[in-house]
Amino acid sequence: MTLRENLLDAIQRYHQAISDPALSEAQVDALFEEADQLVPNARLSDLCHYGERERSHEEIVEEALYREELWAHGGEHAVLLHVQAQVQAVVDDPNAGDTDRVVAEQVLSGVEEELQGLSSKLN
């Protein structure tokens, strides 16, 4: 199986596990960790839980793979700038729902703090 197929499978199993009352929190967390290990620099938790919008499993996979590619070429700074642009677009979108805008503002605040932290490390 390809990385894309493995990641899609892992994300689907994780999302199914979230609503399975027979599984413990530790079991669900282990499924998330399995997916996260496939794309360790993609900020997968943000994509699955706190993204600027809801995404399908396939969209999560595509964005995670893109973020991994960004990381490979530009490191954490490149990924953070990409995420910042995504969430800023939602904040600025007059058609965005209230919940999407609030989540985007929270994510944007965190990303901006991380970018400032990276900047101060470089200086």
PDB file of N, CA and C in Angstrom:
ATOM      1  N   MET A   1       0.843  -1.189   0.000  1.00  0.00           N
ATOM      2  CA  MET A   1       0.000   0.000   0.000  1.00  0.00           C
ATOM      3  C   MET A   1       0.887   1.251   0.000  1.00  0.00           C
ATOM      4  N   THR A   2       0.393   2.290  -0.613  1.00  0.00           N
ATOM      5  CA  THR A   2       1.122   3.553  -0.646  1.00  0.00           C
ATOM      6  C   THR A   2       0.908   4.313   0.660  1.00  0.00           C
ATOM      7  N   LEU A   3       1.713   5.336   0.865  1.00  0.00           N
ATOM      8  CA  LEU A   3       1.537   6.187   2.047  1.00  0.00           C
ATOM      9  C   LEU A   3       0.131   6.776   2.057  1.00  0.00           C
ATOM     10  N   ARG A   4      -0.329   7.241   0.908  1.00  0.00           N
ATOM     11  CA  ARG A   4      -1.675   7.825   0.805  1.00  0.00           C
ATOM     12  C   ARG A   4      -2.735   6.810   1.248  1.00  0.00           C
ATOM     13  N   GLU A   5      -2.625   5.585   0.766  1.00  0.00           N
ATOM     14  CA  GLU A   5      -3.599   4.550   1.117  1.00  0.00           C
ATOM     15  C   GLU A   5      -3.509   4.187   2.597  1.00  0.00           C
ATOM     16  N   ASN A   6      -2.294   4.057   3.113  1.00  0.00           N
ATOM     17  CA  ASN A   6      -2.122   3.752   4.536  1.00  0.00           C
ATOM     18  C   ASN A   6      -2.681   4.851   5.420  1.00  0.00           C
ATOM     19  N   LEU A   7      -2.429   6.092   5.039  1.00  0.00           N
ATOM     20  CA  LEU A   7      -2.923   7.215   5.836  1.00  0.00           C
ATOM     21  C   LEU A   7      -4.447   7.287   5.786  1.00  0.00           C
ATOM     22  N   LEU A   8      -5.017   7.110   4.619  1.00  0.00           N
ATOM     23  CA  LEU A   8      -6.480   7.128   4.496  1.00  0.00           C
ATOM     24  C   LEU A   8      -7.095   6.026   5.356  1.00  0.00           C
ATOM     25  N   ASP A   9      -6.524   4.840   5.299  1.00  0.00           N
ATOM     26  CA  ASP A   9      -7.016   3.727   6.107  1.00  0.00           C
ATOM     27  C   ASP A   9      -6.922   4.055   7.602  1.00  0.00           C
ATOM     28  N   ALA A  10      -5.785   4.592   8.020  1.00  0.00           N
ATOM     29  CA  ALA A  10      -5.590   4.921   9.437  1.00  0.00           C
ATOM     30  C   ALA A  10      -6.573   5.996   9.901  1.00  0.00           C
ATOM     31  N   ILE A  11      -6.794   7.008   9.083  1.00  0.00           N
ATOM     32  CA  ILE A  11      -7.733   8.090   9.451  1.00  0.00           C
ATOM     33  C   ILE A  11      -9.160   7.563   9.503  1.00  0.00           C
ATOM     34  N   GLN A  12      -9.531   6.728   8.559  1.00  0.00           N
ATOM     35  CA  GLN A  12     -10.880   6.163   8.574  1.00  0.00           C
ATOM     36  C   GLN A  12     -11.096   5.299   9.814  1.00  0.00           C
ATOM     37  N   ARG A  13     -10.106   4.475  10.144  1.00  0.00           N
ATOM     38  CA  ARG A  13     -10.235   3.635  11.347  1.00  0.00           C
ATOM     39  C   ARG A  13     -10.318   4.495  12.603  1.00  0.00           C
ATOM     40  N   TYR A  14      -9.527   5.556  12.647  1.00  0.00           N
ATOM     41  CA  TYR A  14      -9.555   6.461  13.808  1.00  0.00           C
ATOM     42  C   TYR A  14     -10.928   7.119  13.941  1.00  0.00           C
ATOM     43  N   HIS A  15     -11.446   7.662  12.848  1.00  0.00           N
ATOM     44  CA  HIS A  15     -12.744   8.337  12.936  1.00  0.00           C
ATOM     45  C   HIS A  15     -13.878   7.368  13.287  1.00  0.00           C
ATOM     46  N   GLN A  16     -13.793   6.146  12.820  1.00  0.00           N
ATOM     47  CA  GLN A  16     -14.789   5.143  13.207  1.00  0.00           C
ATOM     48  C   GLN A  16     -14.666   4.818  14.690  1.00  0.00           C
ATOM     49  N   ALA A  17     -13.443   4.758  15.183  1.00  0.00           N
ATOM     50  CA  ALA A  17     -13.202   4.411  16.587  1.00  0.00           C
ATOM     51  C   ALA A  17     -13.715   5.477  17.537  1.00  0.00           C
ATOM     52  N   ILE A  18     -13.689   6.733  17.109  1.00  0.00           N
ATOM     53  CA  ILE A  18     -14.149   7.826  17.976  1.00  0.00           C
ATOM     54  C   ILE A  18     -15.563   7.575  18.479  1.00  0.00           C
ATOM     55  N   SER A  19     -16.413   7.049  17.609  1.00  0.00           N
ATOM     56  CA  SER A  19     -17.815   6.848  17.999  1.00  0.00           C
ATOM     57  C   SER A  19     -18.117   5.415  18.450  1.00  0.00           C
ATOM     58  N   ASP A  20     -17.085   4.616  18.670  1.00  0.00           N
ATOM     59  CA  ASP A  20     -17.280   3.237  19.120  1.00  0.00           C
ATOM     60  C   ASP A  20     -17.168   3.178  20.644  1.00  0.00           C
ATOM     61  N   PRO A  21     -18.299   3.032  21.338  1.00  0.00           N
ATOM     62  CA  PRO A  21     -18.266   3.031  22.801  1.00  0.00           C
ATOM     63  C   PRO A  21     -17.533   1.821  23.390  1.00  0.00           C
ATOM     64  N   ALA A  22     -17.289   0.798  22.590  1.00  0.00           N
ATOM     65  CA  ALA A  22     -16.596  -0.388  23.088  1.00  0.00           C
ATOM     66  C   ALA A  22     -15.088  -0.153  23.216  1.00  0.00           C
ATOM     67  N   LEU A  23     -14.584   0.900  22.587  1.00  0.00           N
ATOM     68  CA  LEU A  23     -13.144   1.171  22.637  1.00  0.00           C
ATOM     69  C   LEU A  23     -12.818   2.171  23.740  1.00  0.00           C
ATOM     70  N   SER A  24     -11.705   1.936  24.384  1.00  0.00           N
ATOM     71  CA  SER A  24     -11.253   2.860  25.423  1.00  0.00           C
ATOM     72  C   SER A  24     -10.611   4.081  24.784  1.00  0.00           C
ATOM     73  N   GLU A  25     -10.448   5.114  25.579  1.00  0.00           N
ATOM     74  CA  GLU A  25      -9.779   6.323  25.095  1.00  0.00           C
ATOM     75  C   GLU A  25      -8.352   5.998  24.647  1.00  0.00           C
ATOM     76  N   ALA A  26      -7.694   5.127  25.362  1.00  0.00           N
ATOM     77  CA  ALA A  26      -6.324   4.733  25.009  1.00  0.00           C
ATOM     78  C   ALA A  26      -6.287   4.027  23.653  1.00  0.00           C
ATOM     79  N   GLN A  27      -7.285   3.214  23.376  1.00  0.00           N
ATOM     80  CA  GLN A  27      -7.334   2.526  22.086  1.00  0.00           C
ATOM     81  C   GLN A  27      -7.569   3.521  20.941  1.00  0.00           C
ATOM     82  N   VAL A  28      -8.441   4.466  21.184  1.00  0.00           N
ATOM     83  CA  VAL A  28      -8.705   5.497  20.173  1.00  0.00           C
ATOM     84  C   VAL A  28      -7.453   6.339  19.964  1.00  0.00           C
ATOM     85  N   ASP A  29      -6.802   6.726  21.058  1.00  0.00           N
ATOM     86  CA  ASP A  29      -5.555   7.498  20.958  1.00  0.00           C
ATOM     87  C   ASP A  29      -4.491   6.738  20.190  1.00  0.00           C
ATOM     88  N   ALA A  30      -4.412   5.440  20.393  1.00  0.00           N
ATOM     89  CA  ALA A  30      -3.421   4.623  19.688  1.00  0.00           C
ATOM     90  C   ALA A  30      -3.682   4.633  18.181  1.00  0.00           C
ATOM     91  N   LEU A  31      -4.938   4.628  17.795  1.00  0.00           N
ATOM     92  CA  LEU A  31      -5.270   4.692  16.367  1.00  0.00           C
ATOM     93  C   LEU A  31      -4.876   6.044  15.783  1.00  0.00           C
ATOM     94  N   PHE A  32      -5.082   7.114  16.559  1.00  0.00           N
ATOM     95  CA  PHE A  32      -4.658   8.424  16.067  1.00  0.00           C
ATOM     96  C   PHE A  32      -3.140   8.468  15.929  1.00  0.00           C
ATOM     97  N   GLU A  33      -2.432   7.949  16.915  1.00  0.00           N
ATOM     98  CA  GLU A  33      -0.962   7.932  16.874  1.00  0.00           C
ATOM     99  C   GLU A  33      -0.450   7.182  15.657  1.00  0.00           C
ATOM    100  N   GLU A  34      -1.136   6.113  15.302  1.00  0.00           N
ATOM    101  CA  GLU A  34      -0.748   5.346  14.120  1.00  0.00           C
ATOM    102  C   GLU A  34      -0.805   6.238  12.870  1.00  0.00           C
ATOM    103  N   ALA A  35      -1.868   7.003  12.739  1.00  0.00           N
ATOM    104  CA  ALA A  35      -2.001   7.909  11.596  1.00  0.00           C
ATOM    105  C   ALA A  35      -0.972   9.033  11.684  1.00  0.00           C
ATOM    106  N   ASP A  36      -0.806   9.585  12.865  1.00  0.00           N
ATOM    107  CA  ASP A  36       0.100  10.714  13.056  1.00  0.00           C
ATOM    108  C   ASP A  36       1.549  10.340  12.740  1.00  0.00           C
ATOM    109  N   GLN A  37       1.926   9.129  13.042  1.00  0.00           N
ATOM    110  CA  GLN A  37       3.296   8.685  12.766  1.00  0.00           C
ATOM    111  C   GLN A  37       3.586   8.611  11.268  1.00  0.00           C
ATOM    112  N   LEU A  38       2.548   8.457  10.466  1.00  0.00           N
ATOM    113  CA  LEU A  38       2.740   8.407   9.013  1.00  0.00           C
ATOM    114  C   LEU A  38       3.082   9.780   8.445  1.00  0.00           C
ATOM    115  N   VAL A  39       2.585  10.839   9.089  1.00  0.00           N
ATOM    116  CA  VAL A  39       2.816  12.216   8.630  1.00  0.00           C
ATOM    117  C   VAL A  39       3.147  13.092   9.842  1.00  0.00           C
ATOM    118  N   PRO A  40       4.319  12.899  10.438  1.00  0.00           N
ATOM    119  CA  PRO A  40       4.627  13.532  11.722  1.00  0.00           C
ATOM    120  C   PRO A  40       4.740  15.056  11.694  1.00  0.00           C
ATOM    121  N   ASN A  41       4.862  15.658  10.538  1.00  0.00           N
ATOM    122  CA  ASN A  41       5.014  17.109  10.458  1.00  0.00           C
ATOM    123  C   ASN A  41       3.794  17.809   9.888  1.00  0.00           C
ATOM    124  N   ALA A  42       2.706  17.088   9.730  1.00  0.00           N
ATOM    125  CA  ALA A  42       1.519  17.632   9.060  1.00  0.00           C
ATOM    126  C   ALA A  42       0.521  18.303   9.999  1.00  0.00           C
ATOM    127  N   ARG A  43       0.784  18.274  11.311  1.00  0.00           N
ATOM    128  CA  ARG A  43      -0.165  18.844  12.268  1.00  0.00           C
ATOM    129  C   ARG A  43      -1.526  18.153  12.105  1.00  0.00           C
ATOM    130  N   LEU A  44      -1.483  16.833  12.118  1.00  0.00           N
ATOM    131  CA  LEU A  44      -2.663  16.027  11.840  1.00  0.00           C
ATOM    132  C   LEU A  44      -3.798  16.287  12.829  1.00  0.00           C
ATOM    133  N   SER A  45      -3.462  16.525  14.073  1.00  0.00           N
ATOM    134  CA  SER A  45      -4.505  16.811  15.056  1.00  0.00           C
ATOM    135  C   SER A  45      -5.311  18.043  14.654  1.00  0.00           C
ATOM    136  N   ASP A  46      -4.614  19.064  14.181  1.00  0.00           N
ATOM    137  CA  ASP A  46      -5.314  20.260  13.711  1.00  0.00           C
ATOM    138  C   ASP A  46      -6.244  19.922  12.554  1.00  0.00           C
ATOM    139  N   LEU A  47      -5.772  19.113  11.631  1.00  0.00           N
ATOM    140  CA  LEU A  47      -6.591  18.757  10.470  1.00  0.00           C
ATOM    141  C   LEU A  47      -7.825  17.964  10.866  1.00  0.00           C
ATOM    142  N   CYS A  48      -7.658  17.068  11.815  1.00  0.00           N
ATOM    143  CA  CYS A  48      -8.774  16.206  12.214  1.00  0.00           C
ATOM    144  C   CYS A  48      -9.740  16.877  13.182  1.00  0.00           C
ATOM    145  N   HIS A  49      -9.225  17.790  14.024  1.00  0.00           N
ATOM    146  CA  HIS A  49     -10.059  18.306  15.112  1.00  0.00           C
ATOM    147  C   HIS A  49     -10.266  19.812  15.123  1.00  0.00           C
ATOM    148  N   TYR A  50      -9.264  20.566  14.695  1.00  0.00           N
ATOM    149  CA  TYR A  50      -9.325  22.010  14.880  1.00  0.00           C
ATOM    150  C   TYR A  50      -9.057  22.773  13.598  1.00  0.00           C
ATOM    151  N   GLY A  51      -9.276  22.156  12.482  1.00  0.00           N
ATOM    152  CA  GLY A  51      -8.999  22.815  11.212  1.00  0.00           C
ATOM    153  C   GLY A  51      -9.907  24.009  10.990  1.00  0.00           C
ATOM    154  N   GLU A  52      -9.584  24.760   9.980  1.00  0.00           N
ATOM    155  CA  GLU A  52     -10.368  25.958   9.686  1.00  0.00           C
ATOM    156  C   GLU A  52     -11.719  25.608   9.080  1.00  0.00           C
ATOM    157  N   ARG A  53     -11.890  24.327   8.720  1.00  0.00           N
ATOM    158  CA  ARG A  53     -13.168  23.842   8.195  1.00  0.00           C
ATOM    159  C   ARG A  53     -13.212  22.328   8.318  1.00  0.00           C
ATOM    160  N   GLU A  54     -14.422  21.771   8.162  1.00  0.00           N
ATOM    161  CA  GLU A  54     -14.577  20.316   8.143  1.00  0.00           C
ATOM    162  C   GLU A  54     -13.954  19.781   6.855  1.00  0.00           C
ATOM    163  N   ARG A  55     -13.303  18.651   6.951  1.00  0.00           N
ATOM    164  CA  ARG A  55     -12.709  18.016   5.780  1.00  0.00           C
ATOM    165  C   ARG A  55     -13.141  16.549   5.719  1.00  0.00           C
ATOM    166  N   SER A  56     -13.264  16.051   4.500  1.00  0.00           N
ATOM    167  CA  SER A  56     -13.494  14.618   4.325  1.00  0.00           C
ATOM    168  C   SER A  56     -12.188  13.891   4.638  1.00  0.00           C
ATOM    169  N   HIS A  57     -12.268  12.592   4.768  1.00  0.00           N
ATOM    170  CA  HIS A  57     -11.054  11.810   5.021  1.00  0.00           C
ATOM    171  C   HIS A  57     -10.042  12.017   3.900  1.00  0.00           C
ATOM    172  N   GLU A  58     -10.529  12.027   2.678  1.00  0.00           N
ATOM    173  CA  GLU A  58      -9.633  12.203   1.534  1.00  0.00           C
ATOM    174  C   GLU A  58      -8.979  13.583   1.556  1.00  0.00           C
ATOM    175  N   GLU A  59      -9.740  14.598   1.941  1.00  0.00           N
ATOM    176  CA  GLU A  59      -9.175  15.956   2.030  1.00  0.00           C
ATOM    177  C   GLU A  59      -8.127  16.046   3.137  1.00  0.00           C
ATOM    178  N   ILE A  60      -8.368  15.371   4.237  1.00  0.00           N
ATOM    179  CA  ILE A  60      -7.380  15.340   5.326  1.00  0.00           C
ATOM    180  C   ILE A  60      -6.083  14.723   4.815  1.00  0.00           C
ATOM    181  N   VAL A  61      -6.200  13.621   4.104  1.00  0.00           N
ATOM    182  CA  VAL A  61      -5.016  12.943   3.571  1.00  0.00           C
ATOM    183  C   VAL A  61      -4.263  13.853   2.608  1.00  0.00           C
ATOM    184  N   GLU A  62      -4.974  14.473   1.679  1.00  0.00           N
ATOM    185  CA  GLU A  62      -4.309  15.333   0.694  1.00  0.00           C
ATOM    186  C   GLU A  62      -3.599  16.504   1.373  1.00  0.00           C
ATOM    187  N   GLU A  63      -4.263  17.128   2.324  1.00  0.00           N
ATOM    188  CA  GLU A  63      -3.654  18.265   3.022  1.00  0.00           C
ATOM    189  C   GLU A  63      -2.471  17.808   3.864  1.00  0.00           C
ATOM    190  N   ALA A  64      -2.593  16.667   4.520  1.00  0.00           N
ATOM    191  CA  ALA A  64      -1.481  16.157   5.338  1.00  0.00           C
ATOM    192  C   ALA A  64      -0.264  15.852   4.468  1.00  0.00           C
ATOM    193  N   LEU A  65      -0.480  15.241   3.334  1.00  0.00           N
ATOM    194  CA  LEU A  65       0.631  14.939   2.429  1.00  0.00           C
ATOM    195  C   LEU A  65       1.251  16.221   1.877  1.00  0.00           C
ATOM    196  N   TYR A  66       0.425  17.202   1.593  1.00  0.00           N
ATOM    197  CA  TYR A  66       0.949  18.487   1.115  1.00  0.00           C
ATOM    198  C   TYR A  66       1.801  19.155   2.195  1.00  0.00           C
ATOM    199  N   ARG A  67       1.320  19.113   3.436  1.00  0.00           N
ATOM    200  CA  ARG A  67       2.082  19.714   4.536  1.00  0.00           C
ATOM    201  C   ARG A  67       3.411  18.987   4.753  1.00  0.00           C
ATOM    202  N   GLU A  68       3.419  17.689   4.576  1.00  0.00           N
ATOM    203  CA  GLU A  68       4.677  16.942   4.686  1.00  0.00           C
ATOM    204  C   GLU A  68       5.656  17.394   3.602  1.00  0.00           C
ATOM    205  N   GLU A  69       5.127  17.617   2.412  1.00  0.00           N
ATOM    206  CA  GLU A  69       5.983  18.101   1.314  1.00  0.00           C
ATOM    207  C   GLU A  69       6.517  19.502   1.628  1.00  0.00           C
ATOM    208  N   LEU A  70       5.652  20.363   2.143  1.00  0.00           N
ATOM    209  CA  LEU A  70       6.104  21.700   2.552  1.00  0.00           C
ATOM    210  C   LEU A  70       7.216  21.589   3.593  1.00  0.00           C
ATOM    211  N   TRP A  71       7.026  20.713   4.565  1.00  0.00           N
ATOM    212  CA  TRP A  71       8.018  20.530   5.625  1.00  0.00           C
ATOM    213  C   TRP A  71       9.356  20.088   5.026  1.00  0.00           C
ATOM    214  N   ALA A  72       9.297  19.185   4.083  1.00  0.00           N
ATOM    215  CA  ALA A  72      10.524  18.656   3.479  1.00  0.00           C
ATOM    216  C   ALA A  72      11.324  19.750   2.780  1.00  0.00           C
ATOM    217  N   HIS A  73      10.620  20.750   2.256  1.00  0.00           N
ATOM    218  CA  HIS A  73      11.300  21.804   1.492  1.00  0.00           C
ATOM    219  C   HIS A  73      11.539  23.079   2.288  1.00  0.00           C
ATOM    220  N   GLY A  74      10.708  23.334   3.295  1.00  0.00           N
ATOM    221  CA  GLY A  74      10.843  24.601   4.013  1.00  0.00           C
ATOM    222  C   GLY A  74      10.735  24.513   5.519  1.00  0.00           C
ATOM    223  N   GLY A  75      10.597  23.300   6.039  1.00  0.00           N
ATOM    224  CA  GLY A  75      10.539  23.118   7.477  1.00  0.00           C
ATOM    225  C   GLY A  75       9.250  23.602   8.110  1.00  0.00           C
ATOM    226  N   GLU A  76       9.298  23.689   9.422  1.00  0.00           N
ATOM    227  CA  GLU A  76       8.121  24.066  10.213  1.00  0.00           C
ATOM    228  C   GLU A  76       7.585  25.440   9.810  1.00  0.00           C
ATOM    229  N   HIS A  77       8.489  26.349   9.505  1.00  0.00           N
ATOM    230  CA  HIS A  77       8.085  27.703   9.130  1.00  0.00           C
ATOM    231  C   HIS A  77       7.173  27.679   7.902  1.00  0.00           C
ATOM    232  N   ALA A  78       7.508  26.882   6.908  1.00  0.00           N
ATOM    233  CA  ALA A  78       6.695  26.793   5.691  1.00  0.00           C
ATOM    234  C   ALA A  78       5.308  26.242   5.990  1.00  0.00           C
ATOM    235  N   VAL A  79       5.240  25.231   6.842  1.00  0.00           N
ATOM    236  CA  VAL A  79       3.942  24.649   7.194  1.00  0.00           C
ATOM    237  C   VAL A  79       3.106  25.670   7.951  1.00  0.00           C
ATOM    238  N   LEU A  80       3.716  26.367   8.904  1.00  0.00           N
ATOM    239  CA  LEU A  80       2.979  27.364   9.683  1.00  0.00           C
ATOM    240  C   LEU A  80       2.464  28.499   8.802  1.00  0.00           C
ATOM    241  N   LEU A  81       3.261  28.951   7.858  1.00  0.00           N
ATOM    242  CA  LEU A  81       2.806  30.007   6.954  1.00  0.00           C
ATOM    243  C   LEU A  81       1.629  29.536   6.105  1.00  0.00           C
ATOM    244  N   HIS A  82       1.675  28.290   5.680  1.00  0.00           N
ATOM    245  CA  HIS A  82       0.573  27.717   4.906  1.00  0.00           C
ATOM    246  C   HIS A  82      -0.705  27.656   5.749  1.00  0.00           C
ATOM    247  N   VAL A  83      -0.587  27.163   6.972  1.00  0.00           N
ATOM    248  CA  VAL A  83      -1.749  27.071   7.863  1.00  0.00           C
ATOM    249  C   VAL A  83      -2.283  28.473   8.163  1.00  0.00           C
ATOM    250  N   GLN A  84      -1.379  29.418   8.397  1.00  0.00           N
ATOM    251  CA  GLN A  84      -1.783  30.793   8.669  1.00  0.00           C
ATOM    252  C   GLN A  84      -2.621  31.346   7.511  1.00  0.00           C
ATOM    253  N   ALA A  85      -2.194  31.127   6.286  1.00  0.00           N
ATOM    254  CA  ALA A  85      -2.937  31.606   5.121  1.00  0.00           C
ATOM    255  C   ALA A  85      -4.314  30.947   5.033  1.00  0.00           C
ATOM    256  N   GLN A  86      -4.381  29.654   5.329  1.00  0.00           N
ATOM    257  CA  GLN A  86      -5.666  28.951   5.281  1.00  0.00           C
ATOM    258  C   GLN A  86      -6.655  29.512   6.291  1.00  0.00           C
ATOM    259  N   VAL A  87      -6.218  29.674   7.522  1.00  0.00           N
ATOM    260  CA  VAL A  87      -7.153  30.132   8.551  1.00  0.00           C
ATOM    261  C   VAL A  87      -7.470  31.617   8.392  1.00  0.00           C
ATOM    262  N   GLN A  88      -6.517  32.398   7.919  1.00  0.00           N
ATOM    263  CA  GLN A  88      -6.793  33.818   7.674  1.00  0.00           C
ATOM    264  C   GLN A  88      -7.876  33.971   6.612  1.00  0.00           C
ATOM    265  N   ALA A  89      -7.868  33.108   5.612  1.00  0.00           N
ATOM    266  CA  ALA A  89      -8.899  33.155   4.566  1.00  0.00           C
ATOM    267  C   ALA A  89     -10.286  32.931   5.154  1.00  0.00           C
ATOM    268  N   VAL A  90     -10.392  32.044   6.139  1.00  0.00           N
ATOM    269  CA  VAL A  90     -11.691  31.800   6.779  1.00  0.00           C
ATOM    270  C   VAL A  90     -12.089  33.003   7.629  1.00  0.00           C
ATOM    271  N   VAL A  91     -11.150  33.542   8.379  1.00  0.00           N
ATOM    272  CA  VAL A  91     -11.429  34.716   9.213  1.00  0.00           C
ATOM    273  C   VAL A  91     -11.934  35.866   8.342  1.00  0.00           C
ATOM    274  N   ASP A  92     -11.351  36.031   7.163  1.00  0.00           N
ATOM    275  CA  ASP A  92     -11.708  37.140   6.267  1.00  0.00           C
ATOM    276  C   ASP A  92     -12.940  36.867   5.410  1.00  0.00           C
ATOM    277  N   ASP A  93     -13.413  35.633   5.388  1.00  0.00           N
ATOM    278  CA  ASP A  93     -14.537  35.254   4.526  1.00  0.00           C
ATOM    279  C   ASP A  93     -15.867  35.671   5.160  1.00  0.00           C
ATOM    280  N   PRO A  94     -16.578  36.616   4.532  1.00  0.00           N
ATOM    281  CA  PRO A  94     -17.858  37.052   5.110  1.00  0.00           C
ATOM    282  C   PRO A  94     -18.926  35.957   5.092  1.00  0.00           C
ATOM    283  N   ASN A  95     -18.730  34.918   4.298  1.00  0.00           N
ATOM    284  CA  ASN A  95     -19.702  33.832   4.221  1.00  0.00           C
ATOM    285  C   ASN A  95     -19.387  32.678   5.167  1.00  0.00           C
ATOM    286  N   ALA A  96     -18.274  32.765   5.882  1.00  0.00           N
ATOM    287  CA  ALA A  96     -17.906  31.703   6.819  1.00  0.00           C
ATOM    288  C   ALA A  96     -18.902  31.679   7.978  1.00  0.00           C
ATOM    289  N   GLY A  97     -19.210  30.498   8.432  1.00  0.00           N
ATOM    290  CA  GLY A  97     -20.105  30.363   9.572  1.00  0.00           C
ATOM    291  C   GLY A  97     -19.444  30.862  10.846  1.00  0.00           C
ATOM    292  N   ASP A  98     -20.251  31.199  11.830  1.00  0.00           N
ATOM    293  CA  ASP A  98     -19.719  31.710  13.095  1.00  0.00           C
ATOM    294  C   ASP A  98     -18.768  30.722  13.759  1.00  0.00           C
ATOM    295  N   THR A  99     -19.161  29.453  13.784  1.00  0.00           N
ATOM    296  CA  THR A  99     -18.304  28.449  14.420  1.00  0.00           C
ATOM    297  C   THR A  99     -16.983  28.311  13.686  1.00  0.00           C
ATOM    298  N   ASP A 100     -17.039  28.256  12.354  1.00  0.00           N
ATOM    299  CA  ASP A 100     -15.809  28.154  11.561  1.00  0.00           C
ATOM    300  C   ASP A 100     -14.904  29.353  11.816  1.00  0.00           C
ATOM    301  N   ARG A 101     -15.493  30.526  11.902  1.00  0.00           N
ATOM    302  CA  ARG A 101     -14.697  31.742  12.109  1.00  0.00           C
ATOM    303  C   ARG A 101     -14.049  31.737  13.498  1.00  0.00           C
ATOM    304  N   VAL A 102     -14.800  31.331  14.510  1.00  0.00           N
ATOM    305  CA  VAL A 102     -14.256  31.289  15.874  1.00  0.00           C
ATOM    306  C   VAL A 102     -13.101  30.290  15.951  1.00  0.00           C
ATOM    307  N   VAL A 103     -13.302  29.116  15.390  1.00  0.00           N
ATOM    308  CA  VAL A 103     -12.231  28.108  15.399  1.00  0.00           C
ATOM    309  C   VAL A 103     -11.025  28.632  14.626  1.00  0.00           C
ATOM    310  N   ALA A 104     -11.266  29.240  13.475  1.00  0.00           N
ATOM    311  CA  ALA A 104     -10.169  29.780  12.669  1.00  0.00           C
ATOM    312  C   ALA A 104      -9.398  30.854  13.436  1.00  0.00           C
ATOM    313  N   GLU A 105     -10.105  31.700  14.150  1.00  0.00           N
ATOM    314  CA  GLU A 105      -9.432  32.744  14.934  1.00  0.00           C
ATOM    315  C   GLU A 105      -8.565  32.129  16.026  1.00  0.00           C
ATOM    316  N   GLN A 106      -9.057  31.070  16.658  1.00  0.00           N
ATOM    317  CA  GLN A 106      -8.273  30.399  17.704  1.00  0.00           C
ATOM    318  C   GLN A 106      -7.030  29.745  17.112  1.00  0.00           C
ATOM    319  N   VAL A 107      -7.203  29.059  15.991  1.00  0.00           N
ATOM    320  CA  VAL A 107      -6.065  28.419  15.339  1.00  0.00           C
ATOM    321  C   VAL A 107      -5.071  29.477  14.876  1.00  0.00           C
ATOM    322  N   LEU A 108      -5.583  30.562  14.312  1.00  0.00           N
ATOM    323  CA  LEU A 108      -4.716  31.644  13.830  1.00  0.00           C
ATOM    324  C   LEU A 108      -3.884  32.219  14.969  1.00  0.00           C
ATOM    325  N   SER A 109      -4.487  32.424  16.107  1.00  0.00           N
ATOM    326  CA  SER A 109      -3.770  32.953  17.260  1.00  0.00           C
ATOM    327  C   SER A 109      -2.617  32.027  17.652  1.00  0.00           C
ATOM    328  N   GLY A 110      -2.897  30.737  17.702  1.00  0.00           N
ATOM    329  CA  GLY A 110      -1.862  29.772  18.057  1.00  0.00           C
ATOM    330  C   GLY A 110      -0.743  29.714  17.031  1.00  0.00           C
ATOM    331  N   VAL A 111      -1.103  29.763  15.764  1.00  0.00           N
ATOM    332  CA  VAL A 111      -0.099  29.720  14.698  1.00  0.00           C
ATOM    333  C   VAL A 111       0.776  30.969  14.743  1.00  0.00           C
ATOM    334  N   GLU A 112       0.163  32.111  14.972  1.00  0.00           N
ATOM    335  CA  GLU A 112       0.942  33.353  15.044  1.00  0.00           C
ATOM    336  C   GLU A 112       1.921  33.310  16.217  1.00  0.00           C
ATOM    337  N   GLU A 113       1.497  32.749  17.340  1.00  0.00           N
ATOM    338  CA  GLU A 113       2.410  32.591  18.479  1.00  0.00           C
ATOM    339  C   GLU A 113       3.577  31.674  18.121  1.00  0.00           C
ATOM    340  N   GLU A 114       3.273  30.586  17.433  1.00  0.00           N
ATOM    341  CA  GLU A 114       4.332  29.662  17.030  1.00  0.00           C
ATOM    342  C   GLU A 114       5.296  30.330  16.059  1.00  0.00           C
ATOM    343  N   LEU A 115       4.764  31.113  15.132  1.00  0.00           N
ATOM    344  CA  LEU A 115       5.632  31.826  14.182  1.00  0.00           C
ATOM    345  C   LEU A 115       6.528  32.825  14.908  1.00  0.00           C
ATOM    346  N   GLN A 116       5.973  33.513  15.896  1.00  0.00           N
ATOM    347  CA  GLN A 116       6.794  34.457  16.677  1.00  0.00           C
ATOM    348  C   GLN A 116       7.881  33.711  17.433  1.00  0.00           C
ATOM    349  N   GLY A 117       7.545  32.552  17.972  1.00  0.00           N
ATOM    350  CA  GLY A 117       8.531  31.738  18.677  1.00  0.00           C
ATOM    351  C   GLY A 117       9.654  31.292  17.751  1.00  0.00           C
ATOM    352  N   LEU A 118       9.305  30.900  16.548  1.00  0.00           N
ATOM    353  CA  LEU A 118      10.328  30.509  15.568  1.00  0.00           C
ATOM    354  C   LEU A 118      11.202  31.700  15.198  1.00  0.00           C
ATOM    355  N   SER A 119      10.578  32.865  15.032  1.00  0.00           N
ATOM    356  CA  SER A 119      11.328  34.067  14.677  1.00  0.00           C
ATOM    357  C   SER A 119      12.334  34.418  15.762  1.00  0.00           C
ATOM    358  N   SER A 120      11.909  34.335  17.017  1.00  0.00           N
ATOM    359  CA  SER A 120      12.832  34.694  18.096  1.00  0.00           C
ATOM    360  C   SER A 120      13.959  33.684  18.241  1.00  0.00           C
ATOM    361  N   LYS A 121      13.720  32.431  17.866  1.00  0.00           N
ATOM    362  CA  LYS A 121      14.798  31.429  17.876  1.00  0.00           C
ATOM    363  C   LYS A 121      15.834  31.730  16.806  1.00  0.00           C
ATOM    364  N   LEU A 122      15.357  32.274  15.679  1.00  0.00           N
ATOM    365  CA  LEU A 122      16.277  32.581  14.579  1.00  0.00           C
ATOM    366  C   LEU A 122      17.091  33.851  14.835  1.00  0.00           C
ATOM    367  N   ASN A 123      16.554  34.722  15.659  1.00  0.00           N
ATOM    368  CA  ASN A 123      17.246  35.994  15.929  1.00  0.00           C
ATOM    369  C   ASN A 123      18.181  35.917  17.103  1.00  0.00           C
TER     370      ASN A 123
END
